[in-house]
């Protein structure tokens, strides 16, 4: 035990000789302010939103549109106007639901797509499904309305699995949030 005490005493004295009090206080202050800012991050706010269906974030929903036009397994499907990734509808999920064994990320990017059957614009939430390796089928990269990375809410090139339990990207969905208000 005596050797252990001498080792810690020697280490402590060496640190004390090479470090000023101001730098120690600055380091402690940096850590405290950094820890205090963690709840301000968007991932922390989104993680608390539980929709009660087994994953956090936006729940799956149907379009509610009679005769929804198009094939959800095709990149030309109207909902996918701003999607970038593998389509969940080709990977065991659907246009608005993740495949089994994955979870929908609570943070998303948003796009506005025009439905050709009724001519109305809809707000689409593009959610990444996370948890297993990439599906590898039906890769789509449509960038209509894509914004630069400094506008992340409208950028489709970010791995949006950051708010999920696993950061492994599987596929992407296009969930209809509602009808967009047209500027008249």
N, C-alpha and C. Protein backbone atom coordinates (compact mmCIF):
# COMPACT_ATOMS: atom_id res chain seq x y z
N UNK A 1 0.82 -1.20 0.00
CA UNK A 1 0.00 0.00 0.00
C UNK A 1 0.86 1.26 0.00
N UNK A 2 2.04 1.13 0.61
CA UNK A 2 2.94 2.26 0.70
C UNK A 2 3.40 2.70 -0.69
N UNK A 3 3.64 1.73 -1.62
CA UNK A 3 4.06 2.07 -2.97
C UNK A 3 2.95 2.81 -3.72
N UNK A 4 1.72 2.37 -3.52
CA UNK A 4 0.57 3.02 -4.16
C UNK A 4 0.43 4.46 -3.68
N UNK A 5 0.58 4.69 -2.38
CA UNK A 5 0.51 6.04 -1.83
C UNK A 5 1.61 6.92 -2.41
N UNK A 6 2.81 6.39 -2.50
CA UNK A 6 3.93 7.17 -3.05
C UNK A 6 3.70 7.50 -4.53
N UNK A 7 3.15 6.54 -5.27
CA UNK A 7 2.86 6.79 -6.69
C UNK A 7 1.86 7.94 -6.85
N UNK A 8 0.76 7.91 -6.09
CA UNK A 8 -0.24 8.96 -6.20
C UNK A 8 0.28 10.30 -5.70
N UNK A 9 1.09 10.28 -4.65
CA UNK A 9 1.67 11.53 -4.15
C UNK A 9 2.59 12.13 -5.20
N UNK A 10 3.44 11.30 -5.81
CA UNK A 10 4.37 11.78 -6.84
C UNK A 10 3.61 12.33 -8.05
N UNK A 11 2.55 11.62 -8.47
CA UNK A 11 1.74 12.07 -9.61
C UNK A 11 1.04 13.38 -9.31
N UNK A 12 0.48 13.49 -8.12
CA UNK A 12 -0.23 14.71 -7.73
C UNK A 12 0.73 15.89 -7.67
N UNK A 13 1.89 15.70 -7.11
CA UNK A 13 2.88 16.79 -7.02
C UNK A 13 3.34 17.22 -8.42
N UNK A 14 3.52 16.28 -9.32
CA UNK A 14 3.95 16.61 -10.68
C UNK A 14 2.87 17.43 -11.40
N UNK A 15 1.62 17.03 -11.25
CA UNK A 15 0.51 17.78 -11.86
C UNK A 15 0.44 19.18 -11.26
N UNK A 16 0.61 19.29 -9.94
CA UNK A 16 0.54 20.59 -9.27
C UNK A 16 1.66 21.51 -9.73
N UNK A 17 2.84 20.97 -10.00
CA UNK A 17 3.96 21.80 -10.44
C UNK A 17 3.78 22.27 -11.88
N UNK A 18 3.10 21.50 -12.71
CA UNK A 18 2.98 21.83 -14.13
C UNK A 18 1.65 22.47 -14.52
N UNK A 19 0.77 22.66 -13.55
CA UNK A 19 -0.56 23.20 -13.86
C UNK A 19 -0.87 24.39 -12.96
N UNK A 20 -1.43 25.43 -13.56
CA UNK A 20 -1.81 26.60 -12.75
C UNK A 20 -3.23 26.45 -12.23
N UNK A 21 -3.56 27.19 -11.19
CA UNK A 21 -4.92 27.16 -10.63
C UNK A 21 -5.93 27.69 -11.64
N UNK A 22 -5.51 28.70 -12.39
CA UNK A 22 -6.44 29.28 -13.37
C UNK A 22 -6.80 28.27 -14.47
N UNK A 23 -5.83 27.51 -14.92
CA UNK A 23 -6.14 26.53 -15.97
C UNK A 23 -7.04 25.42 -15.43
N UNK A 24 -6.86 25.04 -14.18
CA UNK A 24 -7.73 24.03 -13.57
C UNK A 24 -9.15 24.58 -13.45
N UNK A 25 -9.28 25.83 -12.98
CA UNK A 25 -10.61 26.45 -12.88
C UNK A 25 -11.26 26.60 -14.25
N UNK A 26 -10.45 26.96 -15.26
CA UNK A 26 -11.00 27.10 -16.62
C UNK A 26 -11.49 25.75 -17.14
N UNK A 27 -10.75 24.70 -16.87
CA UNK A 27 -11.16 23.36 -17.31
C UNK A 27 -12.45 22.92 -16.62
N UNK A 28 -12.54 23.15 -15.32
CA UNK A 28 -13.75 22.78 -14.57
C UNK A 28 -14.95 23.57 -15.09
N UNK A 29 -14.75 24.87 -15.33
CA UNK A 29 -15.84 25.71 -15.84
C UNK A 29 -16.29 25.24 -17.22
N UNK A 30 -15.35 24.88 -18.07
CA UNK A 30 -15.70 24.39 -19.41
C UNK A 30 -16.54 23.11 -19.32
N UNK A 31 -16.14 22.21 -18.46
CA UNK A 31 -16.89 20.96 -18.29
C UNK A 31 -18.30 21.24 -17.76
N UNK A 32 -18.41 22.13 -16.78
CA UNK A 32 -19.72 22.45 -16.21
C UNK A 32 -20.65 23.09 -17.23
N UNK A 33 -20.14 24.07 -18.00
CA UNK A 33 -20.98 24.71 -19.02
C UNK A 33 -21.32 23.73 -20.14
N UNK A 34 -20.37 22.87 -20.51
CA UNK A 34 -20.66 21.87 -21.53
C UNK A 34 -21.73 20.90 -21.07
N UNK A 35 -21.66 20.45 -19.84
CA UNK A 35 -22.67 19.53 -19.31
C UNK A 35 -24.03 20.21 -19.18
N UNK A 36 -24.03 21.48 -18.84
CA UNK A 36 -25.29 22.21 -18.71
C UNK A 36 -25.97 22.44 -20.06
N UNK A 37 -25.20 22.43 -21.16
CA UNK A 37 -25.79 22.70 -22.47
C UNK A 37 -26.33 21.44 -23.14
N UNK A 38 -26.07 20.27 -22.61
CA UNK A 38 -26.55 19.02 -23.23
C UNK A 38 -28.07 18.99 -23.38
N UNK A 39 -28.87 19.42 -22.39
CA UNK A 39 -30.33 19.40 -22.59
C UNK A 39 -30.82 20.34 -23.69
N UNK A 40 -29.98 21.26 -24.15
CA UNK A 40 -30.39 22.19 -25.19
C UNK A 40 -30.28 21.60 -26.59
N UNK A 41 -29.61 20.45 -26.73
CA UNK A 41 -29.43 19.84 -28.03
C UNK A 41 -30.76 19.30 -28.57
N UNK A 42 -30.99 19.38 -29.88
CA UNK A 42 -32.27 18.91 -30.43
C UNK A 42 -32.50 17.42 -30.22
N UNK A 43 -31.46 16.62 -30.19
CA UNK A 43 -31.63 15.19 -29.97
C UNK A 43 -32.20 14.93 -28.59
N UNK A 44 -31.75 15.67 -27.59
CA UNK A 44 -32.23 15.48 -26.23
C UNK A 44 -33.71 15.85 -26.11
N UNK A 45 -34.14 16.89 -26.81
CA UNK A 45 -35.56 17.27 -26.76
C UNK A 45 -36.41 16.25 -27.47
N UNK A 46 -35.96 15.77 -28.61
CA UNK A 46 -36.75 14.83 -29.40
C UNK A 46 -36.85 13.48 -28.74
N UNK A 47 -35.85 13.07 -28.00
CA UNK A 47 -35.86 11.74 -27.39
C UNK A 47 -36.96 11.60 -26.35
N UNK A 48 -37.44 12.69 -25.78
CA UNK A 48 -38.49 12.63 -24.78
C UNK A 48 -39.88 12.48 -25.37
N UNK A 49 -40.01 12.62 -26.67
CA UNK A 49 -41.31 12.54 -27.33
C UNK A 49 -41.60 11.09 -27.68
N UNK A 50 -42.43 10.43 -26.92
CA UNK A 50 -42.76 9.03 -27.18
C UNK A 50 -44.20 8.94 -27.64
N UNK A 51 -44.40 8.43 -28.81
CA UNK A 51 -45.75 8.36 -29.36
C UNK A 51 -46.50 7.12 -28.92
N UNK A 52 -45.87 6.25 -28.13
CA UNK A 52 -46.56 5.09 -27.59
C UNK A 52 -46.65 3.91 -28.54
N UNK A 53 -45.95 3.95 -29.66
CA UNK A 53 -46.04 2.84 -30.60
C UNK A 53 -44.71 2.08 -30.72
N UNK A 54 -43.89 2.11 -29.69
CA UNK A 54 -42.68 1.31 -29.69
C UNK A 54 -41.42 2.07 -30.07
N UNK A 55 -41.55 3.28 -30.56
CA UNK A 55 -40.38 4.07 -30.86
C UNK A 55 -40.71 5.53 -30.62
N UNK A 56 -39.67 6.32 -30.44
CA UNK A 56 -39.87 7.75 -30.22
C UNK A 56 -40.01 8.46 -31.55
N UNK A 57 -40.68 9.59 -31.55
CA UNK A 57 -40.77 10.42 -32.74
C UNK A 57 -42.12 10.32 -33.41
N UNK A 58 -42.14 10.66 -34.70
CA UNK A 58 -43.37 10.69 -35.48
C UNK A 58 -43.86 9.27 -35.70
N UNK A 59 -45.12 9.01 -35.39
CA UNK A 59 -45.69 7.69 -35.60
C UNK A 59 -46.09 7.49 -37.05
N UNK A 60 -46.18 6.24 -37.44
CA UNK A 60 -46.59 5.97 -38.82
C UNK A 60 -48.07 6.30 -38.98
N UNK A 61 -48.42 6.76 -40.17
CA UNK A 61 -49.80 7.12 -40.44
C UNK A 61 -50.07 6.93 -41.92
N UNK A 62 -51.31 6.69 -42.26
CA UNK A 62 -51.65 6.54 -43.67
C UNK A 62 -51.88 7.92 -44.26
N UNK A 63 -51.86 7.99 -45.57
CA UNK A 63 -52.01 9.29 -46.21
C UNK A 63 -53.42 9.85 -46.05
N UNK A 64 -54.39 8.97 -45.92
CA UNK A 64 -55.78 9.43 -45.82
C UNK A 64 -56.32 9.95 -47.13
N UNK A 65 -55.61 9.69 -48.20
CA UNK A 65 -56.00 10.18 -49.52
C UNK A 65 -56.57 9.02 -50.31
N UNK A 66 -57.78 9.19 -50.78
CA UNK A 66 -58.44 8.15 -51.59
C UNK A 66 -57.65 7.95 -52.88
N UNK A 67 -57.32 6.70 -53.19
CA UNK A 67 -56.62 6.39 -54.43
C UNK A 67 -55.23 7.01 -54.49
N UNK A 68 -54.46 6.90 -53.41
CA UNK A 68 -53.10 7.44 -53.35
C UNK A 68 -52.31 6.95 -54.56
N UNK A 69 -51.90 7.87 -55.48
CA UNK A 69 -51.29 7.45 -56.74
C UNK A 69 -49.83 7.05 -56.60
N UNK A 70 -49.41 6.11 -57.39
CA UNK A 70 -48.00 5.75 -57.46
C UNK A 70 -47.66 4.48 -56.73
N UNK A 71 -46.43 4.06 -56.94
CA UNK A 71 -45.89 2.85 -56.34
C UNK A 71 -44.90 3.22 -55.25
N UNK A 72 -45.18 2.91 -53.98
CA UNK A 72 -44.27 3.27 -52.89
C UNK A 72 -42.90 2.60 -52.96
N UNK A 73 -42.71 1.64 -53.86
CA UNK A 73 -41.40 1.00 -54.01
C UNK A 73 -40.60 1.63 -55.15
N UNK A 74 -41.11 2.72 -55.73
CA UNK A 74 -40.45 3.40 -56.84
C UNK A 74 -39.96 4.78 -56.40
N UNK A 75 -38.82 5.18 -56.91
CA UNK A 75 -38.30 6.52 -56.59
C UNK A 75 -39.19 7.63 -57.13
N UNK A 76 -40.02 7.30 -58.11
CA UNK A 76 -40.91 8.31 -58.70
C UNK A 76 -42.18 8.54 -57.89
N UNK A 77 -42.37 7.80 -56.80
CA UNK A 77 -43.55 7.98 -55.95
C UNK A 77 -43.56 9.42 -55.46
N UNK A 78 -44.72 10.06 -55.48
CA UNK A 78 -44.82 11.49 -55.24
C UNK A 78 -44.30 11.91 -53.86
N UNK A 79 -44.41 11.06 -52.83
CA UNK A 79 -43.95 11.42 -51.49
C UNK A 79 -42.44 11.53 -51.38
N UNK A 80 -41.73 10.93 -52.31
CA UNK A 80 -40.28 10.84 -52.21
C UNK A 80 -39.56 11.98 -52.94
N UNK A 81 -40.17 13.15 -53.05
CA UNK A 81 -39.57 14.24 -53.82
C UNK A 81 -38.28 14.78 -53.19
N UNK A 82 -38.03 14.54 -51.91
CA UNK A 82 -36.80 15.04 -51.27
C UNK A 82 -36.08 13.94 -50.50
N UNK A 83 -36.29 12.70 -50.88
CA UNK A 83 -35.71 11.58 -50.13
C UNK A 83 -34.27 11.30 -50.60
N UNK A 84 -33.48 10.77 -49.70
CA UNK A 84 -32.12 10.33 -50.03
C UNK A 84 -31.83 9.11 -49.18
N UNK A 85 -31.86 7.94 -49.79
CA UNK A 85 -31.57 6.71 -49.07
C UNK A 85 -32.33 5.53 -49.66
N UNK A 86 -32.27 4.41 -48.95
CA UNK A 86 -32.98 3.21 -49.36
C UNK A 86 -34.43 3.31 -48.91
N UNK A 87 -35.37 2.89 -49.76
CA UNK A 87 -36.79 2.98 -49.44
C UNK A 87 -37.19 1.86 -48.49
N UNK A 88 -37.83 2.22 -47.38
CA UNK A 88 -38.28 1.20 -46.42
C UNK A 88 -39.36 0.30 -47.03
N UNK A 89 -40.09 0.81 -48.02
CA UNK A 89 -41.12 0.00 -48.67
C UNK A 89 -40.50 -1.16 -49.45
N UNK A 90 -39.21 -1.11 -49.76
CA UNK A 90 -38.50 -2.22 -50.41
C UNK A 90 -37.76 -3.09 -49.39
N UNK A 91 -37.81 -2.73 -48.13
CA UNK A 91 -36.99 -3.39 -47.11
C UNK A 91 -37.83 -4.03 -46.01
N UNK A 92 -39.10 -4.28 -46.27
CA UNK A 92 -39.95 -4.92 -45.27
C UNK A 92 -40.83 -3.96 -44.49
N UNK A 93 -40.69 -2.67 -44.74
CA UNK A 93 -41.55 -1.67 -44.10
C UNK A 93 -42.54 -1.13 -45.11
N UNK A 94 -42.91 0.12 -44.96
CA UNK A 94 -43.81 0.77 -45.91
C UNK A 94 -43.34 2.20 -46.12
N UNK A 95 -44.11 2.98 -46.87
CA UNK A 95 -43.75 4.37 -47.12
C UNK A 95 -43.74 5.19 -45.84
N UNK A 96 -44.46 4.72 -44.81
CA UNK A 96 -44.52 5.49 -43.56
C UNK A 96 -44.25 4.66 -42.31
N UNK A 97 -43.69 3.47 -42.45
CA UNK A 97 -43.39 2.63 -41.29
C UNK A 97 -42.08 1.90 -41.50
N UNK A 98 -41.34 1.73 -40.41
CA UNK A 98 -40.04 1.05 -40.46
C UNK A 98 -40.20 -0.46 -40.55
N UNK A 99 -39.20 -1.13 -41.10
CA UNK A 99 -39.23 -2.60 -41.11
C UNK A 99 -39.11 -3.16 -39.70
N UNK A 100 -39.57 -4.38 -39.46
CA UNK A 100 -39.45 -4.98 -38.14
C UNK A 100 -37.98 -5.05 -37.70
N UNK A 101 -37.75 -4.81 -36.41
CA UNK A 101 -36.40 -4.86 -35.86
C UNK A 101 -35.65 -3.55 -35.94
N UNK A 102 -36.29 -2.51 -36.49
CA UNK A 102 -35.67 -1.19 -36.56
C UNK A 102 -36.53 -0.20 -35.80
N UNK A 103 -35.99 0.98 -35.56
CA UNK A 103 -36.75 2.04 -34.92
C UNK A 103 -36.65 3.31 -35.75
N UNK A 104 -37.70 4.11 -35.72
CA UNK A 104 -37.72 5.35 -36.46
C UNK A 104 -37.01 6.43 -35.66
N UNK A 105 -36.09 7.12 -36.30
CA UNK A 105 -35.37 8.20 -35.62
C UNK A 105 -36.34 9.33 -35.28
N UNK A 106 -36.22 9.91 -34.08
CA UNK A 106 -37.13 10.99 -33.70
C UNK A 106 -36.78 12.33 -34.35
N UNK A 107 -35.61 12.44 -34.97
CA UNK A 107 -35.26 13.68 -35.65
C UNK A 107 -35.31 13.43 -37.15
N UNK A 108 -35.77 14.42 -37.91
CA UNK A 108 -36.08 14.20 -39.32
C UNK A 108 -35.67 15.40 -40.17
N UNK A 109 -35.76 15.24 -41.47
CA UNK A 109 -35.73 16.38 -42.38
C UNK A 109 -37.10 16.47 -43.02
N UNK A 110 -37.46 17.65 -43.46
CA UNK A 110 -38.81 17.95 -43.93
C UNK A 110 -38.77 18.37 -45.39
N UNK A 111 -39.78 17.95 -46.13
CA UNK A 111 -39.93 18.37 -47.52
C UNK A 111 -41.40 18.64 -47.80
N UNK A 112 -41.67 19.27 -48.92
CA UNK A 112 -43.04 19.53 -49.36
C UNK A 112 -43.18 18.97 -50.76
N UNK A 113 -44.11 18.02 -50.93
CA UNK A 113 -44.29 17.35 -52.21
C UNK A 113 -45.73 17.53 -52.70
N UNK A 114 -45.88 17.62 -54.02
CA UNK A 114 -47.20 17.80 -54.63
C UNK A 114 -47.78 16.44 -55.00
N UNK A 115 -49.00 16.18 -54.52
CA UNK A 115 -49.71 14.95 -54.86
C UNK A 115 -50.39 15.16 -56.22
N UNK A 116 -50.06 14.35 -57.21
CA UNK A 116 -50.64 14.55 -58.54
C UNK A 116 -52.14 14.24 -58.61
N UNK A 117 -52.66 13.45 -57.67
CA UNK A 117 -54.08 13.10 -57.76
C UNK A 117 -54.99 14.25 -57.35
N UNK A 118 -54.57 15.06 -56.37
CA UNK A 118 -55.44 16.16 -55.95
C UNK A 118 -54.80 17.53 -56.15
N UNK A 119 -53.54 17.58 -56.61
CA UNK A 119 -52.87 18.84 -56.89
C UNK A 119 -52.47 19.64 -55.66
N UNK A 120 -52.57 19.05 -54.48
CA UNK A 120 -52.22 19.76 -53.25
C UNK A 120 -50.81 19.42 -52.81
N UNK A 121 -50.18 20.37 -52.11
CA UNK A 121 -48.85 20.15 -51.54
C UNK A 121 -49.00 19.59 -50.13
N UNK A 122 -48.18 18.60 -49.80
CA UNK A 122 -48.20 17.96 -48.49
C UNK A 122 -46.83 18.10 -47.82
N UNK A 123 -46.84 18.29 -46.51
CA UNK A 123 -45.60 18.33 -45.73
C UNK A 123 -45.22 16.89 -45.43
N UNK A 124 -44.02 16.52 -45.83
CA UNK A 124 -43.54 15.16 -45.67
C UNK A 124 -42.36 15.17 -44.69
N UNK A 125 -42.44 14.31 -43.70
CA UNK A 125 -41.34 14.11 -42.75
C UNK A 125 -40.58 12.88 -43.19
N UNK A 126 -39.31 13.06 -43.53
CA UNK A 126 -38.47 11.94 -43.94
C UNK A 126 -37.73 11.42 -42.71
N UNK A 127 -38.14 10.25 -42.26
CA UNK A 127 -37.55 9.64 -41.08
C UNK A 127 -36.64 8.50 -41.50
N UNK A 128 -35.44 8.46 -40.93
CA UNK A 128 -34.57 7.31 -41.14
C UNK A 128 -34.94 6.22 -40.15
N UNK A 129 -34.93 4.99 -40.59
CA UNK A 129 -35.13 3.84 -39.71
C UNK A 129 -33.75 3.30 -39.38
N UNK A 130 -33.54 2.96 -38.13
CA UNK A 130 -32.20 2.65 -37.64
C UNK A 130 -32.22 1.35 -36.85
N UNK A 131 -31.08 0.68 -36.81
CA UNK A 131 -30.96 -0.48 -35.95
C UNK A 131 -30.30 -1.68 -36.58
N UNK A 132 -30.47 -1.89 -37.88
CA UNK A 132 -29.80 -3.00 -38.56
C UNK A 132 -29.07 -2.42 -39.77
N UNK A 133 -28.23 -3.21 -40.40
CA UNK A 133 -27.43 -2.69 -41.52
C UNK A 133 -28.31 -2.21 -42.66
N UNK A 134 -27.74 -1.39 -43.52
CA UNK A 134 -28.48 -0.81 -44.64
C UNK A 134 -29.15 -1.89 -45.47
N UNK A 135 -30.34 -1.56 -45.89
CA UNK A 135 -31.15 -2.49 -46.68
C UNK A 135 -30.48 -2.80 -48.01
N UNK A 136 -30.01 -1.79 -48.71
CA UNK A 136 -29.32 -2.00 -49.97
C UNK A 136 -30.22 -2.12 -51.17
N UNK A 137 -31.53 -1.92 -51.01
CA UNK A 137 -32.46 -2.03 -52.15
C UNK A 137 -33.18 -0.70 -52.33
N UNK A 138 -33.51 -0.38 -53.57
CA UNK A 138 -34.29 0.80 -53.94
C UNK A 138 -33.64 2.09 -53.44
N UNK A 139 -32.41 2.35 -53.85
CA UNK A 139 -31.72 3.58 -53.48
C UNK A 139 -32.31 4.74 -54.27
N UNK A 140 -32.73 5.77 -53.58
CA UNK A 140 -33.27 6.97 -54.22
C UNK A 140 -32.52 8.18 -53.70
N UNK A 141 -32.20 9.10 -54.62
CA UNK A 141 -31.57 10.35 -54.23
C UNK A 141 -32.22 11.47 -55.00
N UNK A 142 -33.32 11.95 -54.47
CA UNK A 142 -34.04 13.07 -55.07
C UNK A 142 -33.83 14.27 -54.17
N UNK A 143 -33.43 15.36 -54.73
CA UNK A 143 -33.01 16.51 -53.94
C UNK A 143 -33.88 17.74 -54.14
N UNK A 144 -35.14 17.57 -54.47
CA UNK A 144 -36.02 18.72 -54.66
C UNK A 144 -36.17 19.45 -53.34
N UNK A 145 -35.78 20.70 -53.29
CA UNK A 145 -35.91 21.51 -52.07
C UNK A 145 -34.82 21.25 -51.05
N UNK A 146 -33.80 20.46 -51.41
CA UNK A 146 -32.70 20.18 -50.48
C UNK A 146 -31.93 21.46 -50.20
N UNK A 147 -31.63 21.70 -48.94
CA UNK A 147 -30.89 22.89 -48.52
C UNK A 147 -29.48 22.49 -48.08
N UNK A 148 -28.57 23.45 -47.98
CA UNK A 148 -27.21 23.14 -47.52
C UNK A 148 -27.20 22.60 -46.09
N UNK A 149 -26.08 22.01 -45.69
CA UNK A 149 -25.97 21.37 -44.39
C UNK A 149 -26.19 22.34 -43.24
N UNK A 150 -25.91 23.64 -43.43
CA UNK A 150 -26.14 24.59 -42.34
C UNK A 150 -27.63 24.84 -42.10
N UNK A 151 -28.50 24.29 -42.93
CA UNK A 151 -29.95 24.27 -42.69
C UNK A 151 -30.36 22.80 -42.55
N UNK A 152 -29.98 22.15 -41.45
CA UNK A 152 -30.12 20.69 -41.35
C UNK A 152 -31.55 20.18 -41.42
N UNK A 153 -32.53 20.96 -41.01
CA UNK A 153 -33.90 20.48 -41.03
C UNK A 153 -34.40 20.22 -42.45
N UNK A 154 -33.71 20.75 -43.46
CA UNK A 154 -34.12 20.54 -44.85
C UNK A 154 -32.98 19.94 -45.67
N UNK A 155 -32.06 19.24 -45.01
CA UNK A 155 -30.94 18.62 -45.71
C UNK A 155 -31.06 17.11 -45.60
N UNK A 156 -30.94 16.43 -46.73
CA UNK A 156 -31.13 14.98 -46.71
C UNK A 156 -29.82 14.20 -46.70
N UNK A 157 -28.68 14.86 -46.55
CA UNK A 157 -27.39 14.17 -46.59
C UNK A 157 -26.84 13.85 -45.21
N UNK A 158 -27.60 14.05 -44.17
CA UNK A 158 -27.15 13.81 -42.80
C UNK A 158 -27.66 12.44 -42.35
N UNK A 159 -26.87 11.75 -41.54
CA UNK A 159 -27.36 10.52 -40.92
C UNK A 159 -28.28 10.93 -39.78
N UNK A 160 -29.57 10.77 -39.96
CA UNK A 160 -30.56 11.22 -39.00
C UNK A 160 -30.80 10.20 -37.89
N UNK A 161 -30.01 9.15 -37.80
CA UNK A 161 -30.16 8.15 -36.73
C UNK A 161 -29.54 8.60 -35.42
N UNK A 162 -29.10 9.83 -35.34
CA UNK A 162 -28.43 10.30 -34.13
C UNK A 162 -29.35 10.30 -32.90
N UNK A 163 -30.64 10.43 -33.08
CA UNK A 163 -31.56 10.44 -31.95
C UNK A 163 -32.08 9.07 -31.57
N UNK A 164 -31.72 8.05 -32.33
CA UNK A 164 -32.20 6.69 -32.07
C UNK A 164 -31.24 5.94 -31.14
N UNK A 165 -31.68 4.78 -30.67
CA UNK A 165 -30.83 3.96 -29.82
C UNK A 165 -29.60 3.47 -30.57
N UNK A 166 -29.76 3.16 -31.85
CA UNK A 166 -28.65 2.72 -32.69
C UNK A 166 -28.44 3.75 -33.79
N UNK A 167 -27.20 4.06 -34.10
CA UNK A 167 -26.90 5.02 -35.16
C UNK A 167 -26.67 4.34 -36.50
N UNK A 168 -27.01 3.06 -36.61
CA UNK A 168 -26.84 2.31 -37.86
C UNK A 168 -28.05 2.58 -38.76
N UNK A 169 -27.80 3.16 -39.93
CA UNK A 169 -28.87 3.50 -40.87
C UNK A 169 -29.36 2.25 -41.61
N UNK A 170 -30.69 2.12 -41.73
CA UNK A 170 -31.29 1.00 -42.45
C UNK A 170 -31.98 1.48 -43.73
N UNK A 171 -32.97 2.36 -43.59
CA UNK A 171 -33.73 2.85 -44.74
C UNK A 171 -34.45 4.14 -44.35
N UNK A 172 -35.19 4.72 -45.30
CA UNK A 172 -35.90 5.98 -45.07
C UNK A 172 -37.38 5.86 -45.42
N UNK A 173 -38.20 6.60 -44.67
CA UNK A 173 -39.64 6.64 -44.90
C UNK A 173 -40.07 8.05 -45.30
N UNK A 174 -41.28 8.18 -45.77
CA UNK A 174 -41.87 9.48 -46.11
C UNK A 174 -43.23 9.60 -45.45
N UNK A 175 -43.28 10.15 -44.25
CA UNK A 175 -44.52 10.24 -43.47
C UNK A 175 -45.22 11.56 -43.78
N UNK A 176 -46.49 11.50 -44.14
CA UNK A 176 -47.26 12.71 -44.40
C UNK A 176 -47.66 13.33 -43.07
N UNK A 177 -47.27 14.60 -42.87
CA UNK A 177 -47.62 15.31 -41.65
C UNK A 177 -48.91 16.12 -41.81
N UNK A 178 -49.17 16.58 -43.00
CA UNK A 178 -50.38 17.36 -43.24
C UNK A 178 -50.31 18.10 -44.56
N UNK A 179 -51.35 18.86 -44.83
CA UNK A 179 -51.44 19.64 -46.06
C UNK A 179 -50.67 20.95 -45.83
N UNK A 180 -49.84 21.31 -46.80
CA UNK A 180 -49.09 22.56 -46.72
C UNK A 180 -50.01 23.73 -47.03
N UNK A 181 -49.77 24.84 -46.39
CA UNK A 181 -50.53 26.06 -46.66
C UNK A 181 -49.94 26.72 -47.89
N UNK A 182 -50.76 26.92 -48.91
CA UNK A 182 -50.28 27.52 -50.14
C UNK A 182 -50.20 29.02 -49.98
N UNK A 183 -49.09 29.61 -50.51
CA UNK A 183 -48.96 31.06 -50.52
C UNK A 183 -49.83 31.60 -51.66
N UNK A 184 -50.73 32.46 -51.33
CA UNK A 184 -51.63 33.00 -52.37
C UNK A 184 -51.23 34.39 -52.76
